[in-house]
């Protein structure tokens, strides 16, 4: 495949953007960047989503949303490549939106939406990571003196350090480690569930939905909203721009 055009090097070019646009990644880097971007805290809510929809409808909705999401990724990837062929290589969603939809209010609208979502995700991820560390610490040292806010502060410092890395390519080793941890967690949970299900002391299985109709409706909509966002991520342009070849899903 043809290599993408080199970034502009004129005096008016953004030095930071020019550095980011130096593509160094390979296709397998995109694989674990995308996987770790999707596999997040939202995955932990899937059992609740299936609890509200049931096995049949839950699997159907999850499959349908996966097809829709990855088809959307494919379309966006093609748009990014087309813009690149025309000499406009984008590294952020807001730049892509301004190019496709116009550089007026849409640019600031996307910035507002992204800021709101990223703020919520950032706060939630820090709190969740702090709570997880506290659980591990409590099991290892039941009488320890560290409190939850200590672990939240630790996670915040780590996040600040990671945010200083210049490109997504700089995170490739960290994301690879995250991928292995995610796979390990998945296998452990599946194995534990199978073992619990086959155990003689297994709790009784109950796959029934809520008893009242209103509760079933609320649970169904909550479950659909969870599944709708389960495969989403906001870093597709950043992933694609770090590849040293044109990439189409």
Protein backbone atom coordinates (compact mmCIF):
# COMPACT_ATOMS: atom_id res chain seq x y z
CA UNK A 1 0.00 0.00 0.00
CA UNK A 2 1.07 3.53 -0.64
CA UNK A 3 2.49 5.41 2.31
CA UNK A 4 0.46 8.40 3.53
CA UNK A 5 1.67 11.86 2.58
CA UNK A 6 4.20 13.41 4.92
CA UNK A 7 2.92 16.11 7.28
CA UNK A 8 3.47 19.76 6.46
CA UNK A 9 6.77 21.19 7.62
CA UNK A 10 6.25 24.87 6.93
CA UNK A 11 6.87 27.50 9.57
CA UNK A 12 3.18 27.91 10.31
CA UNK A 13 2.59 24.22 11.00
CA UNK A 14 1.73 23.12 14.52
CA UNK A 15 4.92 21.49 15.81
CA UNK A 16 2.97 19.18 18.11
CA UNK A 17 0.65 18.07 15.33
CA UNK A 18 3.60 17.56 12.99
CA UNK A 19 5.23 15.27 15.56
CA UNK A 20 2.04 13.28 16.07
CA UNK A 21 1.53 12.92 12.32
CA UNK A 22 4.82 11.04 11.98
CA UNK A 23 3.27 7.60 11.59
CA UNK A 24 5.25 4.81 13.23
CA UNK A 25 2.66 2.21 14.19
CA UNK A 26 1.88 -1.17 12.65
CA UNK A 27 -1.44 -2.92 12.22
CA UNK A 28 -1.00 -4.96 15.41
CA UNK A 29 -0.53 -1.73 17.35
CA UNK A 30 -3.93 -0.62 16.07
CA UNK A 31 -5.33 -3.97 17.20
CA UNK A 32 -4.44 -3.67 20.85
CA UNK A 33 -5.01 0.11 20.94
CA UNK A 34 -8.56 -0.47 19.72
CA UNK A 35 -9.13 -3.47 21.99
CA UNK A 36 -7.99 -1.71 25.15
CA UNK A 37 -10.01 1.37 24.18
CA UNK A 38 -13.18 -0.73 23.98
CA UNK A 39 -12.54 -3.06 26.92
CA UNK A 40 -13.18 -0.72 29.80
CA UNK A 41 -15.34 -0.40 32.91
CA UNK A 42 -18.46 -0.53 30.74
CA UNK A 43 -17.78 -4.21 30.04
CA UNK A 44 -18.35 -4.92 33.73
CA UNK A 45 -21.98 -3.79 33.37
CA UNK A 46 -22.81 -6.40 30.71
CA UNK A 47 -24.23 -8.89 33.25
CA UNK A 48 -26.63 -6.18 34.41
CA UNK A 49 -27.60 -5.48 30.79
CA UNK A 50 -28.37 -9.16 30.20
CA UNK A 51 -30.29 -9.23 33.47
CA UNK A 52 -32.63 -6.58 32.08
CA UNK A 53 -33.06 -8.07 28.60
CA UNK A 54 -32.71 -11.80 29.05
CA UNK A 55 -30.36 -14.13 27.21
CA UNK A 56 -32.05 -14.12 23.81
CA UNK A 57 -32.73 -10.41 23.40
CA UNK A 58 -29.47 -9.52 25.13
CA UNK A 59 -27.36 -11.55 22.70
CA UNK A 60 -29.33 -10.16 19.76
CA UNK A 61 -28.86 -6.54 20.86
CA UNK A 62 -25.18 -7.07 21.62
CA UNK A 63 -24.55 -8.63 18.20
CA UNK A 64 -26.54 -5.96 16.36
CA UNK A 65 -24.76 -3.14 18.19
CA UNK A 66 -21.39 -4.72 17.43
CA UNK A 67 -22.21 -4.83 13.71
CA UNK A 68 -23.48 -1.23 13.69
CA UNK A 69 -20.51 0.09 15.68
CA UNK A 70 -17.81 -1.56 13.61
CA UNK A 71 -19.56 -0.59 10.38
CA UNK A 72 -19.49 3.00 11.66
CA UNK A 73 -15.79 2.58 12.39
CA UNK A 74 -15.27 1.38 8.83
CA UNK A 75 -17.07 4.42 7.40
CA UNK A 76 -15.10 6.79 9.61
CA UNK A 77 -11.85 5.12 8.65
CA UNK A 78 -12.67 5.58 4.97
CA UNK A 79 -13.53 9.24 5.55
CA UNK A 80 -10.23 9.75 7.36
CA UNK A 81 -8.33 8.13 4.50
CA UNK A 82 -10.17 10.20 1.89
CA UNK A 83 -9.37 13.40 3.77
CA UNK A 84 -5.76 12.26 3.98
CA UNK A 85 -5.60 11.71 0.22
CA UNK A 86 -6.81 15.27 -0.22
CA UNK A 87 -4.01 16.55 2.00
CA UNK A 88 -5.97 16.95 5.23
CA UNK A 89 -4.86 14.43 7.82
CA UNK A 90 -6.87 14.61 11.05
CA UNK A 91 -5.79 13.48 14.49
CA UNK A 92 -8.89 14.46 16.47
CA UNK A 93 -12.63 14.05 16.12
CA UNK A 94 -13.28 17.77 16.32
CA UNK A 95 -11.02 18.43 13.33
CA UNK A 96 -12.74 15.69 11.35
CA UNK A 97 -16.17 17.06 12.27
CA UNK A 98 -15.15 20.58 11.25
CA UNK A 99 -13.87 19.27 7.91
CA UNK A 100 -16.95 17.19 7.15
CA UNK A 101 -19.71 19.31 8.73
CA UNK A 102 -18.19 22.77 8.54
CA UNK A 103 -15.82 24.75 10.73
CA UNK A 104 -18.46 26.90 12.41
CA UNK A 105 -20.50 25.96 15.47
CA UNK A 106 -20.07 22.22 14.83
CA UNK A 107 -16.39 22.42 15.80
CA UNK A 108 -17.23 23.87 19.22
CA UNK A 109 -20.21 21.56 19.63
CA UNK A 110 -17.95 18.52 19.22
CA UNK A 111 -15.43 20.03 21.65
CA UNK A 112 -18.21 20.48 24.23
CA UNK A 113 -19.47 16.91 23.82
CA UNK A 114 -15.97 15.43 23.93
CA UNK A 115 -15.01 17.47 26.99
CA UNK A 116 -18.14 16.40 28.87
CA UNK A 117 -17.69 12.72 28.00
CA UNK A 118 -13.95 12.67 28.66
CA UNK A 119 -14.41 14.43 32.00
CA UNK A 120 -16.96 11.87 33.12
CA UNK A 121 -14.89 8.93 31.90
CA UNK A 122 -11.72 10.31 33.45
CA UNK A 123 -13.30 10.85 36.86
CA UNK A 124 -15.05 7.49 36.76
CA UNK A 125 -11.90 5.63 35.73
CA UNK A 126 -9.85 7.24 38.50
CA UNK A 127 -12.45 6.45 41.16
CA UNK A 128 -12.90 2.87 39.94
CA UNK A 129 -9.15 2.26 39.80
CA UNK A 130 -8.74 3.69 43.29
CA UNK A 131 -11.49 1.44 44.65
CA UNK A 132 -9.94 -1.62 42.97
CA UNK A 133 -6.56 -0.85 44.48
CA UNK A 134 -8.16 -0.40 47.89
CA UNK A 135 -9.85 -3.82 47.60
CA UNK A 136 -6.52 -5.46 46.76
CA UNK A 137 -4.80 -3.60 49.59
CA UNK A 138 -7.53 -4.54 52.08
CA UNK A 139 -7.15 -8.21 51.21
CA UNK A 140 -3.37 -8.11 51.49
CA UNK A 141 -3.24 -5.88 54.56
CA UNK A 142 -6.57 -5.87 56.47
CA UNK A 143 -5.21 -3.56 59.17
CA UNK A 144 -3.42 -1.18 56.81
CA UNK A 145 -3.59 2.56 57.32
CA UNK A 146 -4.14 3.63 53.71
CA UNK A 147 -7.57 4.99 52.84
CA UNK A 148 -9.49 5.27 49.59
CA UNK A 149 -8.36 8.84 48.92
CA UNK A 150 -4.72 7.71 49.05
CA UNK A 151 -5.31 5.28 46.20
CA UNK A 152 -7.30 7.86 44.24
CA UNK A 153 -4.35 10.25 44.58
CA UNK A 154 -1.94 7.53 43.39
CA UNK A 155 -4.05 6.78 40.33
CA UNK A 156 -4.38 10.49 39.57
CA UNK A 157 -0.60 10.91 39.61
CA UNK A 158 -0.17 7.95 37.25
CA UNK A 159 -2.81 9.37 34.90
CA UNK A 160 -1.07 12.75 34.89
CA UNK A 161 2.24 11.09 34.01
CA UNK A 162 0.68 9.03 31.21
CA UNK A 163 -1.04 12.12 29.80
CA UNK A 164 2.38 13.65 29.13
CA UNK A 165 3.27 11.00 26.57
CA UNK A 166 3.26 12.71 23.17
CA UNK A 167 1.47 10.18 20.95
CA UNK A 168 -0.63 7.06 21.04
CA UNK A 169 2.36 5.19 19.68
CA UNK A 170 4.13 5.98 22.96
CA UNK A 171 1.45 3.98 24.77
CA UNK A 172 1.85 0.82 22.71
CA UNK A 173 3.66 -1.18 25.40
CA UNK A 174 1.25 -0.07 28.12
CA UNK A 175 -1.75 -0.93 25.96
CA UNK A 176 -0.24 -4.30 25.11
CA UNK A 177 0.06 -5.03 28.82
CA UNK A 178 -3.53 -3.87 29.29
CA UNK A 179 -4.62 -6.23 26.54
CA UNK A 180 -3.02 -9.22 28.26
CA UNK A 181 -4.54 -8.19 31.60
CA UNK A 182 -7.97 -7.88 29.99
CA UNK A 183 -7.66 -11.31 28.37
CA UNK A 184 -6.46 -12.80 31.65
CA UNK A 185 -9.37 -11.26 33.53
CA UNK A 186 -11.81 -12.59 30.93
CA UNK A 187 -10.49 -16.15 31.13
CA UNK A 188 -10.47 -16.06 34.93
CA UNK A 189 -14.06 -14.82 35.13
CA UNK A 190 -15.30 -17.36 32.58
CA UNK A 191 -13.47 -20.16 34.38
CA UNK A 192 -14.81 -19.06 37.77
CA UNK A 193 -18.37 -18.88 36.43
CA UNK A 194 -18.13 -22.33 34.85
CA UNK A 195 -16.65 -23.76 38.03
CA UNK A 196 -19.37 -22.15 40.16
CA UNK A 197 -22.07 -23.43 37.82
CA UNK A 198 -20.78 -27.00 37.96
CA UNK A 199 -20.24 -26.94 41.70
CA UNK A 200 -22.52 -28.98 43.94
CA UNK A 201 -23.02 -25.92 46.12
CA UNK A 202 -23.94 -23.65 43.23
CA UNK A 203 -26.67 -21.12 44.04
CA UNK A 204 -30.02 -21.57 42.30
CA UNK A 205 -30.16 -20.09 38.81
CA UNK A 206 -32.75 -17.43 38.14
CA UNK A 207 -32.90 -15.93 34.64
CA UNK A 208 -36.35 -14.39 35.03
CA UNK A 209 -36.96 -10.71 34.35
CA UNK A 210 -38.40 -8.15 36.74
CA UNK A 211 -41.82 -8.97 38.13
CA UNK A 212 -43.60 -5.69 37.33
CA UNK A 213 -44.07 -4.37 33.81
CA UNK A 214 -42.77 -0.88 34.62
CA UNK A 215 -39.59 -2.33 36.15
CA UNK A 216 -39.06 -4.50 33.07
CA UNK A 217 -39.42 -1.47 30.79
CA UNK A 218 -36.94 0.63 32.79
CA UNK A 219 -34.49 -2.27 33.00
CA UNK A 220 -34.78 -2.91 29.27
CA UNK A 221 -34.03 0.71 28.35
CA UNK A 222 -31.15 0.83 30.82
CA UNK A 223 -29.73 -2.36 29.35
CA UNK A 224 -30.07 -1.07 25.79
CA UNK A 225 -28.26 2.15 26.73
CA UNK A 226 -25.41 0.10 28.22
CA UNK A 227 -25.11 -2.12 25.15
CA UNK A 228 -25.32 0.89 22.81
CA UNK A 229 -22.08 2.27 24.26
CA UNK A 230 -20.30 -1.02 24.89
CA UNK A 231 -18.14 -1.00 21.74
CA UNK A 232 -17.65 2.75 21.47
CA UNK A 233 -14.44 4.71 21.81
CA UNK A 234 -13.40 8.25 21.01
CA UNK A 235 -9.86 7.70 19.78
CA UNK A 236 -10.26 6.15 16.34
CA UNK A 237 -8.61 9.11 14.51
CA UNK A 238 -5.68 9.02 16.95
CA UNK A 239 -5.24 5.29 16.36
CA UNK A 240 -5.41 5.52 12.58
CA UNK A 241 -3.11 8.51 12.30
CA UNK A 242 -0.34 6.58 14.06
CA UNK A 243 -0.29 3.83 11.42
CA UNK A 244 2.39 3.95 8.76
CA UNK A 245 0.02 2.66 6.09
CA UNK A 246 -3.55 3.27 5.00
CA UNK A 247 -5.86 1.15 7.12
CA UNK A 248 -9.48 0.28 6.44
CA UNK A 249 -11.58 -1.80 8.79
